[in-house]
Amino acid sequence: MSNNENGSSPPNSPQTSGGTKGRRWLGKGFWGLLLILSLGFNLFFGGLVLGRLAGAYGGYPPGPPPLVRGPGDAFDGLGGEHRKRAYRHLDDRTGELRERSKELASARRAVGKALVSEPFDKAALEQAFAELRTASDATQSALHTVIINAAEGLPAEERSALLKGISGRGSHRGHSRD
C-alpha cells in the first residue's frame, strides 16, 4: 500500500523517476566526475609518454655526467691566460678523468646491488664499499693533480679565485675556455 493519500509513491522514493531504481547512481555529478577522472588519467599517462620521449631525445646522455665539468667550473674565476693554461692542464687529463668517472659509477652501482641483494651478504657489501673507496680516491687524486698543476705559478690573487671556484663560492662570470 502507498504512504500517500492518492495512492502514489512518496516524492523521494526510488519509484519516482519512472521505475528506474537501478539508475539512481547516474545522477548529475556522476558524468562530471567521470570526465574529471578521465582527464586526470589522460594527462598523467600523456605526461609519462612525453617524459619518456624527452628523455630519449634530449637532456643528458645515459650514464654518469662527465667529471671534467667540475674542475672547469673552478677555473672560470681565473683571468684570461691563467684560465687558458688551467684548461690545458684539464684537457691533458680528460681521458683519465672520464675513465675514473666510469669506474666510480660502476663502484656505486656495485654498492647498490650488494646492498639490496637477497640474501644479504655482508662480505660482498664490505668489498663493494672498499672498491668504491678505491675508485673515489683515484678520482680525487686525478682531480687534485689537475688543480695542483693549474695552481702552479699562479699569483696569490688567482689562487684565491681558484679556491673560490673549487669551494663553489666563485662568481662564475661566464668565461669560456677561449
N, C-alpha and C. Protein backbone atom coordinates (compact mmCIF):
# COMPACT_ATOMS: atom_id res chain seq x y z
N MET A 1 0.84 -1.17 0.00
CA MET A 1 0.00 0.00 0.00
C MET A 1 0.88 1.23 0.00
N SER A 2 0.35 2.33 -0.41
CA SER A 2 1.14 3.54 -0.53
C SER A 2 1.06 4.36 0.75
N ASN A 3 2.03 5.24 0.90
CA ASN A 3 2.05 6.13 2.05
C ASN A 3 1.33 7.43 1.76
N ASN A 4 0.91 7.61 0.56
CA ASN A 4 0.31 8.86 0.10
C ASN A 4 -1.21 8.68 0.02
N GLU A 5 -1.99 9.77 0.18
CA GLU A 5 -3.45 9.68 0.14
C GLU A 5 -3.96 9.28 -1.23
N ASN A 6 -3.31 9.71 -2.31
CA ASN A 6 -3.82 9.39 -3.64
C ASN A 6 -3.30 8.06 -4.15
N GLY A 7 -2.50 7.33 -3.35
CA GLY A 7 -2.06 6.00 -3.72
C GLY A 7 -0.75 5.97 -4.47
N SER A 8 -0.10 7.07 -4.64
CA SER A 8 1.18 7.07 -5.34
C SER A 8 2.33 7.00 -4.35
N SER A 9 3.48 6.78 -4.87
CA SER A 9 4.68 6.70 -4.02
C SER A 9 5.07 8.08 -3.55
N PRO A 10 5.72 8.17 -2.39
CA PRO A 10 6.18 9.47 -1.93
C PRO A 10 7.19 10.07 -2.91
N PRO A 11 7.33 11.39 -2.91
CA PRO A 11 8.20 12.06 -3.88
C PRO A 11 9.66 11.63 -3.79
N ASN A 12 10.15 11.19 -2.66
CA ASN A 12 11.55 10.82 -2.51
C ASN A 12 11.80 9.33 -2.71
N SER A 13 10.83 8.60 -3.13
CA SER A 13 11.01 7.15 -3.25
C SER A 13 11.75 6.81 -4.54
N PRO A 14 12.40 5.64 -4.58
CA PRO A 14 13.13 5.22 -5.78
C PRO A 14 12.22 5.05 -6.97
N GLN A 15 10.93 4.90 -6.77
CA GLN A 15 9.99 4.66 -7.85
C GLN A 15 9.63 5.94 -8.59
N THR A 16 9.97 7.10 -8.06
CA THR A 16 9.53 8.38 -8.60
C THR A 16 10.05 8.63 -10.00
N SER A 17 11.24 8.20 -10.32
CA SER A 17 11.82 8.51 -11.63
C SER A 17 11.43 7.49 -12.68
N GLY A 18 10.17 7.13 -12.70
CA GLY A 18 9.67 6.26 -13.75
C GLY A 18 10.09 4.81 -13.57
N GLY A 19 10.34 4.38 -12.36
CA GLY A 19 10.66 2.99 -12.11
C GLY A 19 12.10 2.63 -12.44
N THR A 20 13.02 3.56 -12.50
CA THR A 20 14.42 3.29 -12.83
C THR A 20 15.26 3.25 -11.56
N LYS A 21 14.93 2.34 -10.69
CA LYS A 21 15.60 2.25 -9.40
C LYS A 21 17.11 2.01 -9.58
N GLY A 22 17.54 1.22 -10.55
CA GLY A 22 18.94 0.89 -10.74
C GLY A 22 19.76 2.03 -11.32
N ARG A 23 19.17 3.08 -11.82
CA ARG A 23 19.90 4.17 -12.46
C ARG A 23 20.09 5.38 -11.55
N ARG A 24 19.82 5.27 -10.31
CA ARG A 24 19.98 6.41 -9.40
C ARG A 24 21.44 6.84 -9.30
N TRP A 25 22.37 5.93 -9.46
CA TRP A 25 23.79 6.27 -9.36
C TRP A 25 24.25 7.11 -10.54
N LEU A 26 23.45 7.23 -11.57
CA LEU A 26 23.80 8.07 -12.72
C LEU A 26 23.27 9.49 -12.51
N GLY A 27 23.48 10.01 -11.33
CA GLY A 27 23.00 11.35 -11.00
C GLY A 27 23.78 12.43 -11.72
N LYS A 28 23.46 13.69 -11.41
CA LYS A 28 24.06 14.85 -12.06
C LYS A 28 25.59 14.87 -11.97
N GLY A 29 26.15 14.58 -10.81
CA GLY A 29 27.59 14.69 -10.60
C GLY A 29 28.39 13.54 -11.17
N PHE A 30 27.75 12.43 -11.52
CA PHE A 30 28.48 11.27 -11.99
C PHE A 30 29.24 11.54 -13.28
N TRP A 31 28.60 12.15 -14.26
CA TRP A 31 29.26 12.39 -15.55
C TRP A 31 30.38 13.41 -15.42
N GLY A 32 30.19 14.41 -14.60
CA GLY A 32 31.25 15.38 -14.37
C GLY A 32 32.46 14.75 -13.70
N LEU A 33 32.19 13.90 -12.70
CA LEU A 33 33.26 13.19 -12.01
C LEU A 33 33.98 12.25 -12.99
N LEU A 34 33.22 11.57 -13.81
CA LEU A 34 33.83 10.66 -14.79
C LEU A 34 34.71 11.43 -15.77
N LEU A 35 34.27 12.59 -16.22
CA LEU A 35 35.07 13.41 -17.14
C LEU A 35 36.36 13.91 -16.47
N ILE A 36 36.26 14.32 -15.22
CA ILE A 36 37.44 14.80 -14.50
C ILE A 36 38.44 13.67 -14.30
N LEU A 37 37.96 12.50 -13.91
CA LEU A 37 38.86 11.34 -13.75
C LEU A 37 39.51 10.96 -15.08
N SER A 38 38.74 10.98 -16.13
CA SER A 38 39.28 10.66 -17.45
C SER A 38 40.35 11.66 -17.86
N LEU A 39 40.10 12.93 -17.63
CA LEU A 39 41.08 13.97 -17.95
C LEU A 39 42.35 13.76 -17.13
N GLY A 40 42.20 13.46 -15.84
CA GLY A 40 43.36 13.20 -14.99
C GLY A 40 44.19 12.04 -15.48
N PHE A 41 43.55 10.94 -15.82
CA PHE A 41 44.29 9.78 -16.34
C PHE A 41 44.98 10.11 -17.66
N ASN A 42 44.30 10.81 -18.53
CA ASN A 42 44.90 11.16 -19.82
C ASN A 42 46.11 12.07 -19.63
N LEU A 43 46.01 13.05 -18.75
CA LEU A 43 47.15 13.93 -18.50
C LEU A 43 48.31 13.17 -17.87
N PHE A 44 48.00 12.29 -16.94
CA PHE A 44 49.05 11.52 -16.28
C PHE A 44 49.79 10.64 -17.28
N PHE A 45 49.06 9.84 -18.03
CA PHE A 45 49.71 8.92 -18.97
C PHE A 45 50.33 9.67 -20.15
N GLY A 46 49.72 10.77 -20.57
CA GLY A 46 50.33 11.61 -21.60
C GLY A 46 51.65 12.19 -21.13
N GLY A 47 51.70 12.60 -19.87
CA GLY A 47 52.94 13.11 -19.29
C GLY A 47 54.02 12.05 -19.22
N LEU A 48 53.62 10.83 -18.89
CA LEU A 48 54.59 9.73 -18.87
C LEU A 48 55.19 9.50 -20.25
N VAL A 49 54.33 9.48 -21.25
CA VAL A 49 54.80 9.25 -22.62
C VAL A 49 55.71 10.40 -23.07
N LEU A 50 55.29 11.64 -22.84
CA LEU A 50 56.11 12.78 -23.24
C LEU A 50 57.43 12.81 -22.48
N GLY A 51 57.39 12.49 -21.19
CA GLY A 51 58.62 12.46 -20.40
C GLY A 51 59.58 11.41 -20.91
N ARG A 52 59.05 10.27 -21.29
CA ARG A 52 59.88 9.20 -21.83
C ARG A 52 60.52 9.63 -23.15
N LEU A 53 59.73 10.27 -24.01
CA LEU A 53 60.26 10.75 -25.28
C LEU A 53 61.30 11.84 -25.07
N ALA A 54 61.05 12.75 -24.15
CA ALA A 54 62.00 13.82 -23.89
C ALA A 54 63.31 13.26 -23.36
N GLY A 55 63.23 12.23 -22.54
CA GLY A 55 64.44 11.60 -22.03
C GLY A 55 65.22 10.90 -23.13
N ALA A 56 64.52 10.38 -24.13
CA ALA A 56 65.18 9.66 -25.20
C ALA A 56 65.81 10.61 -26.23
N TYR A 57 65.24 11.80 -26.38
CA TYR A 57 65.71 12.69 -27.44
C TYR A 57 66.34 13.98 -26.94
N GLY A 58 66.55 14.10 -25.67
CA GLY A 58 67.14 15.33 -25.16
C GLY A 58 67.75 15.09 -23.80
N GLY A 59 68.20 16.14 -23.19
CA GLY A 59 68.77 16.02 -21.87
C GLY A 59 70.15 15.41 -21.92
N TYR A 60 70.55 14.82 -20.81
CA TYR A 60 71.88 14.25 -20.71
C TYR A 60 71.91 12.85 -21.30
N PRO A 61 73.04 12.43 -21.84
CA PRO A 61 73.15 11.07 -22.32
C PRO A 61 73.11 10.12 -21.13
N PRO A 62 72.77 8.84 -21.37
CA PRO A 62 72.73 7.90 -20.26
C PRO A 62 74.11 7.74 -19.62
N GLY A 63 74.11 7.43 -18.35
CA GLY A 63 75.36 7.25 -17.63
C GLY A 63 75.65 8.45 -16.77
N PRO A 64 76.74 8.40 -16.05
CA PRO A 64 77.06 9.49 -15.14
C PRO A 64 77.51 10.73 -15.91
N PRO A 65 77.25 11.90 -15.35
CA PRO A 65 77.72 13.11 -16.02
C PRO A 65 79.23 13.17 -16.00
N PRO A 66 79.83 13.77 -16.98
CA PRO A 66 81.29 13.82 -17.01
C PRO A 66 81.85 14.63 -15.85
N LEU A 67 82.91 14.13 -15.25
CA LEU A 67 83.50 14.80 -14.11
C LEU A 67 84.29 16.04 -14.51
N VAL A 68 84.72 16.12 -15.74
CA VAL A 68 85.58 17.23 -16.14
C VAL A 68 84.87 18.57 -16.03
N ARG A 69 83.56 18.59 -15.89
CA ARG A 69 82.84 19.84 -15.75
C ARG A 69 83.16 20.49 -14.41
N GLY A 70 83.36 19.72 -13.37
CA GLY A 70 83.64 20.25 -12.04
C GLY A 70 84.88 21.13 -11.99
N PRO A 71 86.04 20.62 -12.37
CA PRO A 71 87.24 21.47 -12.35
C PRO A 71 87.12 22.64 -13.31
N GLY A 72 86.46 22.44 -14.42
CA GLY A 72 86.29 23.54 -15.37
C GLY A 72 85.55 24.70 -14.75
N ASP A 73 84.52 24.40 -13.95
CA ASP A 73 83.80 25.47 -13.25
C ASP A 73 84.73 26.19 -12.29
N ALA A 74 85.63 25.45 -11.65
CA ALA A 74 86.57 26.06 -10.70
C ALA A 74 87.49 27.05 -11.41
N PHE A 75 87.78 26.82 -12.68
CA PHE A 75 88.71 27.67 -13.42
C PHE A 75 88.05 28.92 -13.98
N ASP A 76 86.74 28.99 -13.97
CA ASP A 76 86.04 30.12 -14.57
C ASP A 76 86.35 31.45 -13.89
N GLY A 77 86.76 31.43 -12.63
CA GLY A 77 87.08 32.66 -11.92
C GLY A 77 88.47 33.19 -12.23
N LEU A 78 89.28 32.40 -12.94
CA LEU A 78 90.63 32.83 -13.28
C LEU A 78 90.59 33.81 -14.44
N GLY A 79 91.60 34.66 -14.50
CA GLY A 79 91.68 35.64 -15.58
C GLY A 79 92.34 35.06 -16.82
N GLY A 80 91.96 35.56 -17.97
CA GLY A 80 92.47 35.27 -19.31
C GLY A 80 93.47 34.14 -19.50
N GLU A 81 94.75 34.47 -19.51
CA GLU A 81 95.80 33.49 -19.79
C GLU A 81 95.89 32.41 -18.72
N HIS A 82 95.63 32.77 -17.48
CA HIS A 82 95.67 31.78 -16.40
C HIS A 82 94.57 30.74 -16.60
N ARG A 83 93.41 31.19 -17.02
CA ARG A 83 92.29 30.27 -17.26
C ARG A 83 92.62 29.34 -18.43
N LYS A 84 93.18 29.89 -19.50
CA LYS A 84 93.55 29.05 -20.65
C LYS A 84 94.57 27.99 -20.25
N ARG A 85 95.56 28.39 -19.45
CA ARG A 85 96.58 27.45 -19.01
C ARG A 85 95.97 26.36 -18.11
N ALA A 86 95.04 26.75 -17.23
CA ALA A 86 94.38 25.79 -16.36
C ALA A 86 93.57 24.79 -17.18
N TYR A 87 92.87 25.28 -18.19
CA TYR A 87 92.09 24.38 -19.04
C TYR A 87 93.00 23.44 -19.84
N ARG A 88 94.18 23.88 -20.21
CA ARG A 88 95.12 22.99 -20.89
C ARG A 88 95.50 21.83 -19.97
N HIS A 89 95.73 22.13 -18.69
CA HIS A 89 96.03 21.07 -17.72
C HIS A 89 94.84 20.11 -17.60
N LEU A 90 93.65 20.66 -17.61
CA LEU A 90 92.45 19.83 -17.55
C LEU A 90 92.33 18.97 -18.80
N ASP A 91 92.55 19.57 -19.95
CA ASP A 91 92.46 18.83 -21.21
C ASP A 91 93.47 17.68 -21.27
N ASP A 92 94.64 17.88 -20.67
CA ASP A 92 95.66 16.83 -20.66
C ASP A 92 95.19 15.60 -19.88
N ARG A 93 94.27 15.77 -18.94
CA ARG A 93 93.82 14.67 -18.09
C ARG A 93 92.38 14.24 -18.36
N THR A 94 91.75 14.78 -19.40
CA THR A 94 90.34 14.49 -19.66
C THR A 94 90.07 13.00 -19.80
N GLY A 95 90.90 12.30 -20.56
CA GLY A 95 90.70 10.86 -20.74
C GLY A 95 90.75 10.11 -19.42
N GLU A 96 91.74 10.43 -18.61
CA GLU A 96 91.86 9.79 -17.30
C GLU A 96 90.67 10.11 -16.41
N LEU A 97 90.22 11.36 -16.42
CA LEU A 97 89.09 11.75 -15.59
C LEU A 97 87.81 11.04 -16.01
N ARG A 98 87.62 10.88 -17.31
CA ARG A 98 86.44 10.15 -17.78
C ARG A 98 86.49 8.69 -17.35
N GLU A 99 87.66 8.10 -17.47
CA GLU A 99 87.81 6.70 -17.05
C GLU A 99 87.56 6.56 -15.55
N ARG A 100 88.08 7.47 -14.77
CA ARG A 100 87.85 7.44 -13.32
C ARG A 100 86.37 7.63 -13.00
N SER A 101 85.71 8.48 -13.76
CA SER A 101 84.28 8.71 -13.57
C SER A 101 83.49 7.43 -13.84
N LYS A 102 83.85 6.72 -14.88
CA LYS A 102 83.17 5.45 -15.19
C LYS A 102 83.41 4.42 -14.10
N GLU A 103 84.64 4.35 -13.60
CA GLU A 103 84.97 3.40 -12.53
C GLU A 103 84.19 3.74 -11.26
N LEU A 104 84.08 5.02 -10.97
CA LEU A 104 83.35 5.45 -9.78
C LEU A 104 81.87 5.10 -9.91
N ALA A 105 81.28 5.33 -11.07
CA ALA A 105 79.87 5.00 -11.29
C ALA A 105 79.65 3.50 -11.17
N SER A 106 80.56 2.72 -11.71
CA SER A 106 80.46 1.27 -11.62
C SER A 106 80.54 0.80 -10.16
N ALA A 107 81.44 1.41 -9.40
CA ALA A 107 81.58 1.05 -7.99
C ALA A 107 80.32 1.42 -7.20
N ARG A 108 79.71 2.54 -7.53
CA ARG A 108 78.46 2.94 -6.86
C ARG A 108 77.34 1.95 -7.17
N ARG A 109 77.27 1.52 -8.43
CA ARG A 109 76.25 0.53 -8.79
C ARG A 109 76.48 -0.79 -8.06
N ALA A 110 77.75 -1.17 -7.89
CA ALA A 110 78.07 -2.40 -7.19
C ALA A 110 77.64 -2.32 -5.72
N VAL A 111 77.82 -1.17 -5.10
CA VAL A 111 77.37 -0.99 -3.72
C VAL A 111 75.85 -1.14 -3.65
N GLY A 112 75.15 -0.50 -4.57
CA GLY A 112 73.69 -0.60 -4.58
C GLY A 112 73.22 -2.03 -4.77
N LYS A 113 73.86 -2.73 -5.67
CA LYS A 113 73.50 -4.12 -5.93
C LYS A 113 73.76 -4.99 -4.70
N ALA A 114 74.90 -4.79 -4.06
CA ALA A 114 75.23 -5.59 -2.87
C ALA A 114 74.29 -5.25 -1.71
N LEU A 115 73.88 -4.02 -1.62
CA LEU A 115 73.03 -3.59 -0.51
C LEU A 115 71.64 -4.21 -0.59
N VAL A 116 71.10 -4.40 -1.78
CA VAL A 116 69.74 -4.92 -1.92
C VAL A 116 69.68 -6.40 -2.26
N SER A 117 70.84 -7.05 -2.34
CA SER A 117 70.83 -8.46 -2.72
C SER A 117 70.21 -9.32 -1.64
N GLU A 118 69.58 -10.38 -2.06
CA GLU A 118 69.00 -11.38 -1.15
C GLU A 118 69.64 -12.71 -1.42
N PRO A 119 70.08 -13.39 -0.45
CA PRO A 119 70.18 -12.99 0.95
C PRO A 119 71.30 -11.95 1.11
N PHE A 120 71.20 -11.17 2.16
CA PHE A 120 72.19 -10.14 2.44
C PHE A 120 73.55 -10.78 2.65
N ASP A 121 74.57 -10.21 1.97
CA ASP A 121 75.93 -10.73 2.09
C ASP A 121 76.83 -9.60 2.59
N LYS A 122 77.13 -9.63 3.87
CA LYS A 122 77.92 -8.58 4.50
C LYS A 122 79.29 -8.45 3.84
N ALA A 123 79.93 -9.57 3.55
CA ALA A 123 81.27 -9.55 2.95
C ALA A 123 81.23 -8.89 1.56
N ALA A 124 80.20 -9.18 0.79
CA ALA A 124 80.08 -8.59 -0.54
C ALA A 124 79.88 -7.07 -0.45
N LEU A 125 79.09 -6.63 0.53
CA LEU A 125 78.88 -5.19 0.71
C LEU A 125 80.16 -4.51 1.18
N GLU A 126 80.89 -5.13 2.08
CA GLU A 126 82.16 -4.58 2.53
C GLU A 126 83.14 -4.46 1.36
N GLN A 127 83.18 -5.47 0.51
CA GLN A 127 84.06 -5.46 -0.66
C GLN A 127 83.64 -4.36 -1.64
N ALA A 128 82.33 -4.21 -1.84
CA ALA A 128 81.83 -3.17 -2.75
C ALA A 128 82.19 -1.78 -2.23
N PHE A 129 82.06 -1.58 -0.92
CA PHE A 129 82.43 -0.28 -0.35
C PHE A 129 83.94 -0.05 -0.45
N ALA A 130 84.73 -1.10 -0.29
CA ALA A 130 86.19 -0.95 -0.42
C ALA A 130 86.54 -0.53 -1.85
N GLU A 131 85.87 -1.13 -2.83
CA GLU A 131 86.11 -0.77 -4.23
C GLU A 131 85.64 0.65 -4.51
N LEU A 132 84.55 1.06 -3.87
CA LEU A 132 84.07 2.43 -4.03
C LEU A 132 85.08 3.42 -3.46
N ARG A 133 85.65 3.11 -2.30
CA ARG A 133 86.67 4.00 -1.72
C ARG A 133 87.88 4.10 -2.64
N THR A 134 88.29 2.97 -3.20
CA THR A 134 89.45 2.97 -4.10
C THR A 134 89.16 3.83 -5.34
N ALA A 135 87.98 3.65 -5.92
CA ALA A 135 87.61 4.42 -7.11
C ALA A 135 87.49 5.90 -6.77
N SER A 136 86.92 6.20 -5.61
CA SER A 136 86.77 7.59 -5.20
C SER A 136 88.14 8.23 -4.96
N ASP A 137 89.04 7.51 -4.31
CA ASP A 137 90.38 8.03 -4.07
C ASP A 137 91.12 8.29 -5.39
N ALA A 138 90.98 7.37 -6.35
CA ALA A 138 91.65 7.55 -7.65
C ALA A 138 91.09 8.77 -8.38
N THR A 139 89.77 8.95 -8.30
CA THR A 139 89.14 10.11 -8.94
C THR A 139 89.61 11.40 -8.29
N GLN A 140 89.60 11.43 -6.97
CA GLN A 140 90.05 12.62 -6.26
C GLN A 140 91.52 12.92 -6.56
N SER A 141 92.34 11.89 -6.63
CA SER A 141 93.75 12.08 -6.92
C SER A 141 93.96 12.71 -8.29
N ALA A 142 93.21 12.23 -9.29
CA ALA A 142 93.32 12.79 -10.63
C ALA A 142 92.86 14.25 -10.65
N LEU A 143 91.76 14.54 -9.95
CA LEU A 143 91.28 15.92 -9.88
C LEU A 143 92.28 16.81 -9.15
N HIS A 144 92.84 16.31 -8.08
CA HIS A 144 93.81 17.10 -7.32
C HIS A 144 95.05 17.41 -8.16
N THR A 145 95.47 16.45 -8.96
CA THR A 145 96.63 16.67 -9.83
C THR A 145 96.36 17.81 -10.81
N VAL A 146 95.17 17.83 -11.38
CA VAL A 146 94.79 18.91 -12.30
C VAL A 146 94.83 20.25 -11.57
N ILE A 147 94.27 20.30 -10.39
CA ILE A 147 94.22 21.57 -9.65
C ILE A 147 95.62 22.01 -9.23
N ILE A 148 96.45 21.07 -8.79
CA ILE A 148 97.82 21.41 -8.39
C ILE A 148 98.59 21.97 -9.57
N ASN A 149 98.48 21.30 -10.72
CA ASN A 149 99.19 21.78 -11.91
C ASN A 149 98.65 23.14 -12.35
N ALA A 150 97.35 23.35 -12.22
CA ALA A 150 96.77 24.64 -12.61
C ALA A 150 97.20 25.74 -11.65
N ALA A 151 97.36 25.43 -10.36
CA ALA A 151 97.72 26.43 -9.36
C ALA A 151 99.19 26.82 -9.42
N GLU A 152 100.01 25.93 -9.95
CA GLU A 152 101.44 26.20 -10.01
C GLU A 152 101.71 27.45 -10.85
N GLY A 153 102.42 28.37 -10.27
CA GLY A 153 102.80 29.59 -10.98
C GLY A 153 101.74 30.69 -10.96
N LEU A 154 100.60 30.45 -10.34
CA LEU A 154 99.57 31.50 -10.26
C LEU A 154 99.92 32.49 -9.15
N PRO A 155 99.64 33.76 -9.37
CA PRO A 155 99.80 34.72 -8.29
C PRO A 155 98.76 34.46 -7.19
N ALA A 156 98.98 35.00 -6.02
CA ALA A 156 98.11 34.75 -4.86
C ALA A 156 96.65 35.11 -5.16
N GLU A 157 96.41 36.20 -5.88
CA GLU A 157 95.04 36.61 -6.19
C GLU A 157 94.32 35.56 -7.05
N GLU A 158 95.03 35.01 -8.01
CA GLU A 158 94.43 33.98 -8.87
C GLU A 158 94.22 32.66 -8.11
N ARG A 159 95.14 32.33 -7.21
CA ARG A 159 94.95 31.13 -6.39
C ARG A 159 93.74 31.29 -5.48
N SER A 160 93.51 32.52 -5.01
CA SER A 160 92.32 32.81 -4.20
C SER A 160 91.05 32.62 -5.04
N ALA A 161 91.07 33.06 -6.29
CA ALA A 161 89.93 32.86 -7.20
C ALA A 161 89.72 31.38 -7.47
N LEU A 162 90.82 30.63 -7.59
CA LEU A 162 90.73 29.18 -7.79
C LEU A 162 90.09 28.52 -6.58
N LEU A 163 90.49 28.94 -5.39
CA LEU A 163 89.90 28.40 -4.17
C LEU A 163 88.40 28.64 -4.13
N LYS A 164 87.99 29.85 -4.48
CA LYS A 164 86.55 30.16 -4.50
C LYS A 164 85.82 29.27 -5.51
N GLY A 165 86.46 29.04 -6.66
CA GLY A 165 85.84 28.18 -7.67
C GLY A 165 85.73 26.74 -7.21
N ILE A 166 86.75 26.26 -6.53
CA ILE A 166 86.75 24.88 -6.04
C ILE A 166 85.67 24.70 -4.98
N SER A 167 85.54 25.69 -4.09
CA SER A 167 84.58 25.57 -2.99
C SER A 167 83.16 25.94 -3.41
N GLY A 168 82.97 26.34 -4.67
CA GLY A 168 81.64 26.67 -5.15
C GLY A 168 81.20 28.07 -4.81
N ARG A 169 82.12 28.90 -4.31
CA ARG A 169 81.75 30.27 -3.95
C ARG A 169 82.18 31.26 -5.00
N GLY A 170 82.63 30.78 -6.15
CA GLY A 170 83.12 31.67 -7.20
C GLY A 170 81.99 32.44 -7.85
N SER A 171 82.38 33.46 -8.57
CA SER A 171 81.38 34.31 -9.20
C SER A 171 80.83 33.68 -10.47
N HIS A 172 81.56 32.73 -11.07
CA HIS A 172 81.14 32.10 -12.33
C HIS A 172 80.70 33.17 -13.32
N ARG A 173 81.65 34.00 -13.69
CA ARG A 173 81.35 35.16 -14.52
C ARG A 173 81.00 34.80 -15.95
N GLY A 174 80.92 33.54 -16.27
CA GLY A 174 80.52 33.15 -17.61
C GLY A 174 81.66 33.12 -18.60
N HIS A 175 82.89 32.98 -18.13
CA HIS A 175 84.02 32.90 -19.05
C HIS A 175 83.96 31.60 -19.85
N SER A 176 84.43 31.66 -21.06
CA SER A 176 84.54 30.45 -21.85
C SER A 176 85.99 29.97 -21.81
N ARG A 177 86.24 28.85 -22.44
CA ARG A 177 87.58 28.28 -22.43
C ARG A 177 88.56 29.05 -23.29
N ASP A 178 88.07 29.89 -24.16
CA ASP A 178 88.96 30.62 -25.08
C ASP A 178 89.40 31.95 -24.53
